[in-house]
Amino acid sequence: MVNVVLISHTPDPERTIAAAARVSASPVSAVELLEKLTPDRV
């Protein structure tokens, strides 16, 4: 039997992934990207 423990979770995974994908090619910070990332842009 496998024992699994959830150590954390994010309430908005799509937004987090979209910001992570954009931060590698953007001159702005991750915080700025998250502030500008609206649901329709995810």
C-alpha atoms as a PDB file:
ATOM      1  CA  MET A   1       0.000   0.000   0.000  1.00  0.00           C
ATOM      2  CA  VAL A   2       1.213   3.509  -0.874  1.00  0.00           C
ATOM      3  CA  ASN A   3       0.975   6.301   1.693  1.00  0.00           C
ATOM      4  CA  VAL A   4       0.501   9.745   0.103  1.00  0.00           C
ATOM      5  CA  VAL A   5       0.532  13.061   1.962  1.00  0.00           C
ATOM      6  CA  LEU A   6      -0.529  16.343   0.369  1.00  0.00           C
ATOM      7  CA  ILE A   7       2.023  18.959   1.429  1.00  0.00           C
ATOM      8  CA  SER A   8       0.553  21.947  -0.389  1.00  0.00           C
ATOM      9  CA  HIS A   9      -1.905  23.015  -3.042  1.00  0.00           C
ATOM     10  CA  THR A  10      -2.659  26.067  -5.147  1.00  0.00           C
ATOM     11  CA  PRO A  11      -6.188  27.397  -5.493  1.00  0.00           C
ATOM     12  CA  ASP A  12      -5.537  28.612  -9.068  1.00  0.00           C
ATOM     13  CA  PRO A  13      -3.169  26.186 -10.845  1.00  0.00           C
ATOM     14  CA  GLU A  14      -3.884  27.407 -14.400  1.00  0.00           C
ATOM     15  CA  ARG A  15      -2.901  30.973 -13.494  1.00  0.00           C
ATOM     16  CA  THR A  16       0.266  29.786 -11.742  1.00  0.00           C
ATOM     17  CA  ILE A  17       1.338  27.707 -14.750  1.00  0.00           C
ATOM     18  CA  ALA A  18       0.591  30.542 -17.182  1.00  0.00           C
ATOM     19  CA  ALA A  19       2.683  32.977 -15.134  1.00  0.00           C
ATOM     20  CA  ALA A  20       5.558  30.505 -14.864  1.00  0.00           C
ATOM     21  CA  ALA A  21       5.543  29.987 -18.628  1.00  0.00           C
ATOM     22  CA  ARG A  22       5.606  33.725 -19.301  1.00  0.00           C
ATOM     23  CA  VAL A  23       8.205  34.726 -16.707  1.00  0.00           C
ATOM     24  CA  SER A  24      11.015  32.932 -18.554  1.00  0.00           C
ATOM     25  CA  ALA A  25      10.567  35.171 -21.605  1.00  0.00           C
ATOM     26  CA  SER A  26       9.487  38.408 -19.943  1.00  0.00           C
ATOM     27  CA  PRO A  27      11.545  41.322 -18.646  1.00  0.00           C
ATOM     28  CA  VAL A  28       9.024  41.942 -15.833  1.00  0.00           C
ATOM     29  CA  SER A  29       8.931  40.107 -12.513  1.00  0.00           C
ATOM     30  CA  ALA A  30       6.696  37.167 -11.679  1.00  0.00           C
ATOM     31  CA  VAL A  31       4.721  39.356  -9.277  1.00  0.00           C
ATOM     32  CA  GLU A  32       4.010  41.897 -12.015  1.00  0.00           C
ATOM     33  CA  LEU A  33       2.949  39.118 -14.390  1.00  0.00           C
ATOM     34  CA  LEU A  34       0.532  37.681 -11.836  1.00  0.00           C
ATOM     35  CA  GLU A  35      -0.988  41.111 -11.212  1.00  0.00           C
ATOM     36  CA  LYS A  36      -1.635  41.602 -14.940  1.00  0.00           C
ATOM     37  CA  LEU A  37      -2.762  38.032 -15.658  1.00  0.00           C
ATOM     38  CA  THR A  38      -6.545  38.111 -15.966  1.00  0.00           C
ATOM     39  CA  PRO A  39      -8.669  34.941 -16.284  1.00  0.00           C
ATOM     40  CA  ASP A  40      -9.236  35.539 -19.998  1.00  0.00           C
ATOM     41  CA  ARG A  41      -5.449  35.667 -20.607  1.00  0.00           C
ATOM     42  CA  VAL A  42      -4.720  32.334 -18.878  1.00  0.00           C
END
